[in-house]
């Protein structure tokens, strides 16, 4: 998948999250993976951190499907 179509990139471009919030969520995702924890979707991490809402996640997913 091209980088510009990834959930986090689309969410930043859409103004739903900041680049810093995406970086924070990606760090969490990488650390969990290194610890052997089941990989979570970046949207789930962003939601858990309260960086993004469910309606915003839905909007990002719709945007991704039209790219």
PDB file of N, CA and C in Angstrom:
ATOM      1  N   UNK A   1       0.852  -1.182   0.000  1.00  0.00           N
ATOM      2  CA  UNK A   1       0.000   0.000   0.000  1.00  0.00           C
ATOM      3  C   UNK A   1       0.893   1.239   0.000  1.00  0.00           C
ATOM      4  N   UNK A   2       0.672   2.164  -0.941  1.00  0.00           N
ATOM      5  CA  UNK A   2       1.465   3.389  -0.951  1.00  0.00           C
ATOM      6  C   UNK A   2       1.304   4.160   0.365  1.00  0.00           C
ATOM      7  N   UNK A   3       2.360   4.819   0.780  1.00  0.00           N
ATOM      8  CA  UNK A   3       2.357   5.536   2.054  1.00  0.00           C
ATOM      9  C   UNK A   3       1.225   6.544   2.147  1.00  0.00           C
ATOM     10  N   UNK A   4       0.934   7.245   1.061  1.00  0.00           N
ATOM     11  CA  UNK A   4      -0.098   8.286   1.112  1.00  0.00           C
ATOM     12  C   UNK A   4      -1.499   7.723   1.326  1.00  0.00           C
ATOM     13  N   UNK A   5      -1.680   6.411   1.181  1.00  0.00           N
ATOM     14  CA  UNK A   5      -2.986   5.785   1.389  1.00  0.00           C
ATOM     15  C   UNK A   5      -3.115   5.163   2.776  1.00  0.00           C
ATOM     16  N   UNK A   6      -2.098   5.267   3.612  1.00  0.00           N
ATOM     17  CA  UNK A   6      -2.142   4.668   4.940  1.00  0.00           C
ATOM     18  C   UNK A   6      -3.051   5.480   5.851  1.00  0.00           C
ATOM     19  N   UNK A   7      -3.694   4.787   6.786  1.00  0.00           N
ATOM     20  CA  UNK A   7      -4.673   5.409   7.666  1.00  0.00           C
ATOM     21  C   UNK A   7      -4.126   6.681   8.317  1.00  0.00           C
ATOM     22  N   UNK A   8      -2.956   6.574   8.933  1.00  0.00           N
ATOM     23  CA  UNK A   8      -2.397   7.716   9.658  1.00  0.00           C
ATOM     24  C   UNK A   8      -2.136   8.917   8.773  1.00  0.00           C
ATOM     25  N   UNK A   9      -1.616   8.677   7.586  1.00  0.00           N
ATOM     26  CA  UNK A   9      -1.323   9.763   6.653  1.00  0.00           C
ATOM     27  C   UNK A   9      -2.622  10.440   6.211  1.00  0.00           C
ATOM     28  N   UNK A  10      -3.628   9.643   5.910  1.00  0.00           N
ATOM     29  CA  UNK A  10      -4.924  10.195   5.501  1.00  0.00           C
ATOM     30  C   UNK A  10      -5.541  10.988   6.654  1.00  0.00           C
ATOM     31  N   UNK A  11      -5.404  10.491   7.875  1.00  0.00           N
ATOM     32  CA  UNK A  11      -5.958  11.185   9.044  1.00  0.00           C
ATOM     33  C   UNK A  11      -5.265  12.530   9.270  1.00  0.00           C
ATOM     34  N   UNK A  12      -3.948  12.570   9.084  1.00  0.00           N
ATOM     35  CA  UNK A  12      -3.218  13.838   9.226  1.00  0.00           C
ATOM     36  C   UNK A  12      -3.621  14.802   8.116  1.00  0.00           C
ATOM     37  N   UNK A  13      -3.624  14.322   6.875  1.00  0.00           N
ATOM     38  CA  UNK A  13      -3.994  15.178   5.738  1.00  0.00           C
ATOM     39  C   UNK A  13      -5.420  15.702   5.866  1.00  0.00           C
ATOM     40  N   UNK A  14      -6.290  14.891   6.494  1.00  0.00           N
ATOM     41  CA  UNK A  14      -7.678  15.301   6.687  1.00  0.00           C
ATOM     42  C   UNK A  14      -7.868  16.245   7.864  1.00  0.00           C
ATOM     43  N   UNK A  15      -6.808  16.467   8.616  1.00  0.00           N
ATOM     44  CA  UNK A  15      -6.898  17.387   9.753  1.00  0.00           C
ATOM     45  C   UNK A  15      -7.479  16.767  11.013  1.00  0.00           C
ATOM     46  N   UNK A  16      -7.582  15.439  11.032  1.00  0.00           N
ATOM     47  CA  UNK A  16      -8.169  14.765  12.195  1.00  0.00           C
ATOM     48  C   UNK A  16      -7.173  14.603  13.340  1.00  0.00           C
ATOM     49  N   UNK A  17      -5.904  14.439  13.003  1.00  0.00           N
ATOM     50  CA  UNK A  17      -4.852  14.293  14.009  1.00  0.00           C
ATOM     51  C   UNK A  17      -3.635  15.099  13.553  1.00  0.00           C
ATOM     52  N   UNK A  18      -2.711  15.314  14.487  1.00  0.00           N
ATOM     53  CA  UNK A  18      -1.470  16.009  14.155  1.00  0.00           C
ATOM     54  C   UNK A  18      -0.393  14.988  13.800  1.00  0.00           C
ATOM     55  N   UNK A  19       0.649  15.437  13.117  1.00  0.00           N
ATOM     56  CA  UNK A  19       1.764  14.520  12.855  1.00  0.00           C
ATOM     57  C   UNK A  19       2.365  13.964  14.154  1.00  0.00           C
ATOM     58  N   UNK A  20       2.396  14.778  15.189  1.00  0.00           N
ATOM     59  CA  UNK A  20       2.930  14.333  16.479  1.00  0.00           C
ATOM     60  C   UNK A  20       2.077  13.225  17.087  1.00  0.00           C
ATOM     61  N   UNK A  21       0.773  13.336  16.957  1.00  0.00           N
ATOM     62  CA  UNK A  21      -0.121  12.292  17.470  1.00  0.00           C
ATOM     63  C   UNK A  21       0.081  10.993  16.700  1.00  0.00           C
ATOM     64  N   UNK A  22       0.258  11.089  15.403  1.00  0.00           N
ATOM     65  CA  UNK A  22       0.520   9.902  14.596  1.00  0.00           C
ATOM     66  C   UNK A  22       1.836   9.259  15.017  1.00  0.00           C
ATOM     67  N   UNK A  23       2.865  10.060  15.207  1.00  0.00           N
ATOM     68  CA  UNK A  23       4.159   9.538  15.641  1.00  0.00           C
ATOM     69  C   UNK A  23       4.040   8.831  16.981  1.00  0.00           C
ATOM     70  N   UNK A  24       3.300   9.422  17.904  1.00  0.00           N
ATOM     71  CA  UNK A  24       3.083   8.810  19.220  1.00  0.00           C
ATOM     72  C   UNK A  24       2.419   7.445  19.079  1.00  0.00           C
ATOM     73  N   UNK A  25       1.376   7.376  18.258  1.00  0.00           N
ATOM     74  CA  UNK A  25       0.654   6.117  18.060  1.00  0.00           C
ATOM     75  C   UNK A  25       1.535   5.072  17.374  1.00  0.00           C
ATOM     76  N   UNK A  26       2.350   5.496  16.416  1.00  0.00           N
ATOM     77  CA  UNK A  26       3.245   4.569  15.733  1.00  0.00           C
ATOM     78  C   UNK A  26       4.301   4.012  16.684  1.00  0.00           C
ATOM     79  N   UNK A  27       4.797   4.856  17.575  1.00  0.00           N
ATOM     80  CA  UNK A  27       5.761   4.392  18.584  1.00  0.00           C
ATOM     81  C   UNK A  27       5.131   3.311  19.463  1.00  0.00           C
ATOM     82  N   UNK A  28       3.891   3.542  19.871  1.00  0.00           N
ATOM     83  CA  UNK A  28       3.183   2.557  20.695  1.00  0.00           C
ATOM     84  C   UNK A  28       3.035   1.256  19.921  1.00  0.00           C
ATOM     85  N   UNK A  29       2.640   1.358  18.658  1.00  0.00           N
ATOM     86  CA  UNK A  29       2.442   0.168  17.828  1.00  0.00           C
ATOM     87  C   UNK A  29       3.750  -0.619  17.698  1.00  0.00           C
ATOM     88  N   UNK A  30       4.851   0.073  17.479  1.00  0.00           N
ATOM     89  CA  UNK A  30       6.150  -0.596  17.340  1.00  0.00           C
ATOM     90  C   UNK A  30       6.571  -1.246  18.653  1.00  0.00           C
ATOM     91  N   UNK A  31       6.418  -0.535  19.764  1.00  0.00           N
ATOM     92  CA  UNK A  31       6.809  -1.083  21.066  1.00  0.00           C
ATOM     93  C   UNK A  31       6.001  -2.336  21.401  1.00  0.00           C
ATOM     94  N   UNK A  32       4.714  -2.296  21.122  1.00  0.00           N
ATOM     95  CA  UNK A  32       3.873  -3.471  21.382  1.00  0.00           C
ATOM     96  C   UNK A  32       4.317  -4.649  20.524  1.00  0.00           C
ATOM     97  N   UNK A  33       4.656  -4.364  19.299  1.00  0.00           N
ATOM     98  CA  UNK A  33       5.106  -5.426  18.399  1.00  0.00           C
ATOM     99  C   UNK A  33       6.418  -6.041  18.907  1.00  0.00           C
ATOM    100  N   UNK A  34       7.332  -5.208  19.376  1.00  0.00           N
ATOM    101  CA  UNK A  34       8.599  -5.688  19.921  1.00  0.00           C
ATOM    102  C   UNK A  34       8.399  -6.510  21.189  1.00  0.00           C
ATOM    103  N   UNK A  35       7.354  -6.171  21.950  1.00  0.00           N
ATOM    104  CA  UNK A  35       7.052  -6.884  23.193  1.00  0.00           C
ATOM    105  C   UNK A  35       6.250  -8.160  22.942  1.00  0.00           C
ATOM    106  N   UNK A  36       5.896  -8.410  21.687  1.00  0.00           N
ATOM    107  CA  UNK A  36       5.152  -9.611  21.357  1.00  0.00           C
ATOM    108  C   UNK A  36       3.652  -9.504  21.574  1.00  0.00           C
ATOM    109  N   UNK A  37       3.182  -8.283  21.786  1.00  0.00           N
ATOM    110  CA  UNK A  37       1.744  -8.054  21.960  1.00  0.00           C
ATOM    111  C   UNK A  37       1.092  -8.093  20.577  1.00  0.00           C
ATOM    112  N   UNK A  38      -0.134  -8.586  20.526  1.00  0.00           N
ATOM    113  CA  UNK A  38      -0.844  -8.647  19.243  1.00  0.00           C
ATOM    114  C   UNK A  38      -0.931  -7.249  18.635  1.00  0.00           C
ATOM    115  N   UNK A  39      -0.602  -7.157  17.371  1.00  0.00           N
ATOM    116  CA  UNK A  39      -0.575  -5.873  16.672  1.00  0.00           C
ATOM    117  C   UNK A  39      -1.973  -5.258  16.591  1.00  0.00           C
ATOM    118  N   UNK A  40      -2.044  -3.984  17.018  1.00  0.00           N
ATOM    119  CA  UNK A  40      -3.310  -3.259  16.931  1.00  0.00           C
ATOM    120  C   UNK A  40      -3.259  -2.295  15.753  1.00  0.00           C
ATOM    121  N   UNK A  41      -4.411  -2.046  15.186  1.00  0.00           N
ATOM    122  CA  UNK A  41      -4.512  -1.074  14.108  1.00  0.00           C
ATOM    123  C   UNK A  41      -4.216   0.313  14.654  1.00  0.00           C
ATOM    124  N   UNK A  42      -3.597   1.149  13.836  1.00  0.00           N
ATOM    125  CA  UNK A  42      -3.226   2.487  14.276  1.00  0.00           C
ATOM    126  C   UNK A  42      -4.457   3.303  14.669  1.00  0.00           C
ATOM    127  N   UNK A  43      -5.568   3.094  13.983  1.00  0.00           N
ATOM    128  CA  UNK A  43      -6.804   3.798  14.334  1.00  0.00           C
ATOM    129  C   UNK A  43      -7.281   3.452  15.740  1.00  0.00           C
ATOM    130  N   UNK A  44      -7.115   2.203  16.129  1.00  0.00           N
ATOM    131  CA  UNK A  44      -7.503   1.793  17.483  1.00  0.00           C
ATOM    132  C   UNK A  44      -6.644   2.473  18.536  1.00  0.00           C
ATOM    133  N   UNK A  45      -5.363   2.577  18.266  1.00  0.00           N
ATOM    134  CA  UNK A  45      -4.459   3.245  19.207  1.00  0.00           C
ATOM    135  C   UNK A  45      -4.811   4.732  19.297  1.00  0.00           C
ATOM    136  N   UNK A  46      -5.036   5.368  18.159  1.00  0.00           N
ATOM    137  CA  UNK A  46      -5.398   6.786  18.145  1.00  0.00           C
ATOM    138  C   UNK A  46      -6.698   7.023  18.908  1.00  0.00           C
ATOM    139  N   UNK A  47      -7.655   6.120  18.750  1.00  0.00           N
ATOM    140  CA  UNK A  47      -8.930   6.236  19.457  1.00  0.00           C
ATOM    141  C   UNK A  47      -8.732   6.064  20.966  1.00  0.00           C
ATOM    142  N   UNK A  48      -7.945   5.068  21.341  1.00  0.00           N
ATOM    143  CA  UNK A  48      -7.700   4.816  22.759  1.00  0.00           C
ATOM    144  C   UNK A  48      -7.006   6.009  23.421  1.00  0.00           C
ATOM    145  N   UNK A  49      -6.128   6.674  22.692  1.00  0.00           N
ATOM    146  CA  UNK A  49      -5.425   7.852  23.211  1.00  0.00           C
ATOM    147  C   UNK A  49      -6.309   9.098  23.163  1.00  0.00           C
ATOM    148  N   UNK A  50      -7.529   8.952  22.640  1.00  0.00           N
ATOM    149  CA  UNK A  50      -8.496  10.041  22.489  1.00  0.00           C
ATOM    150  C   UNK A  50      -8.002  11.135  21.546  1.00  0.00           C
ATOM    151  N   UNK A  51      -7.236  10.713  20.539  1.00  0.00           N
ATOM    152  CA  UNK A  51      -6.765  11.641  19.524  1.00  0.00           C
ATOM    153  C   UNK A  51      -7.772  11.763  18.387  1.00  0.00           C
ATOM    154  N   UNK A  52      -8.645  10.758  18.260  1.00  0.00           N
ATOM    155  CA  UNK A  52      -9.587  10.706  17.145  1.00  0.00           C
ATOM    156  C   UNK A  52     -10.879  10.066  17.639  1.00  0.00           C
ATOM    157  N   UNK A  53     -11.996  10.450  17.021  1.00  0.00           N
ATOM    158  CA  UNK A  53     -13.293   9.892  17.407  1.00  0.00           C
ATOM    159  C   UNK A  53     -13.713   8.812  16.410  1.00  0.00           C
ATOM    160  N   UNK A  54     -14.708   8.035  16.790  1.00  0.00           N
ATOM    161  CA  UNK A  54     -15.207   6.999  15.879  1.00  0.00           C
ATOM    162  C   UNK A  54     -15.755   7.592  14.575  1.00  0.00           C
ATOM    163  N   UNK A  55     -16.539   8.687  14.632  1.00  0.00           N
ATOM    164  CA  UNK A  55     -16.990   9.269  13.355  1.00  0.00           C
ATOM    165  C   UNK A  55     -15.818   9.735  12.486  1.00  0.00           C
ATOM    166  N   UNK A  56     -14.757  10.237  13.107  1.00  0.00           N
ATOM    167  CA  UNK A  56     -13.595  10.651  12.336  1.00  0.00           C
ATOM    168  C   UNK A  56     -12.896   9.443  11.710  1.00  0.00           C
ATOM    169  N   UNK A  57     -12.817   8.350  12.463  1.00  0.00           N
ATOM    170  CA  UNK A  57     -12.241   7.117  11.918  1.00  0.00           C
ATOM    171  C   UNK A  57     -13.036   6.677  10.696  1.00  0.00           C
ATOM    172  N   UNK A  58     -14.355   6.724  10.803  1.00  0.00           N
ATOM    173  CA  UNK A  58     -15.215   6.343   9.675  1.00  0.00           C
ATOM    174  C   UNK A  58     -14.943   7.243   8.473  1.00  0.00           C
ATOM    175  N   UNK A  59     -14.775   8.555   8.706  1.00  0.00           N
ATOM    176  CA  UNK A  59     -14.484   9.473   7.611  1.00  0.00           C
ATOM    177  C   UNK A  59     -13.150   9.166   6.948  1.00  0.00           C
ATOM    178  N   UNK A  60     -12.144   8.836   7.748  1.00  0.00           N
ATOM    179  CA  UNK A  60     -10.840   8.473   7.204  1.00  0.00           C
ATOM    180  C   UNK A  60     -10.962   7.225   6.338  1.00  0.00           C
ATOM    181  N   UNK A  61     -11.682   6.227   6.845  1.00  0.00           N
ATOM    182  CA  UNK A  61     -11.840   4.984   6.086  1.00  0.00           C
ATOM    183  C   UNK A  61     -12.570   5.217   4.753  1.00  0.00           C
ATOM    184  N   UNK A  62     -13.570   6.091   4.785  1.00  0.00           N
ATOM    185  CA  UNK A  62     -14.278   6.435   3.544  1.00  0.00           C
ATOM    186  C   UNK A  62     -13.318   7.137   2.579  1.00  0.00           C
ATOM    187  N   UNK A  63     -12.521   8.056   3.104  1.00  0.00           N
ATOM    188  CA  UNK A  63     -11.543   8.756   2.260  1.00  0.00           C
ATOM    189  C   UNK A  63     -10.553   7.757   1.658  1.00  0.00           C
ATOM    190  N   UNK A  64     -10.125   6.789   2.443  1.00  0.00           N
ATOM    191  CA  UNK A  64      -9.165   5.793   1.955  1.00  0.00           C
ATOM    192  C   UNK A  64      -9.763   4.961   0.833  1.00  0.00           C
ATOM    193  N   UNK A  65     -11.057   4.700   0.900  1.00  0.00           N
ATOM    194  CA  UNK A  65     -11.682   3.844  -0.111  1.00  0.00           C
ATOM    195  C   UNK A  65     -11.853   4.570  -1.439  1.00  0.00           C
ATOM    196  N   UNK A  66     -11.736   5.888  -1.417  1.00  0.00           N
ATOM    197  CA  UNK A  66     -11.895   6.656  -2.658  1.00  0.00           C
ATOM    198  C   UNK A  66     -10.554   7.038  -3.263  1.00  0.00           C
ATOM    199  N   UNK A  67      -9.449   6.677  -2.604  1.00  0.00           N
ATOM    200  CA  UNK A  67      -8.113   7.031  -3.135  1.00  0.00           C
ATOM    201  C   UNK A  67      -7.709   6.097  -4.248  1.00  0.00           C
TER     202      UNK A  67
END
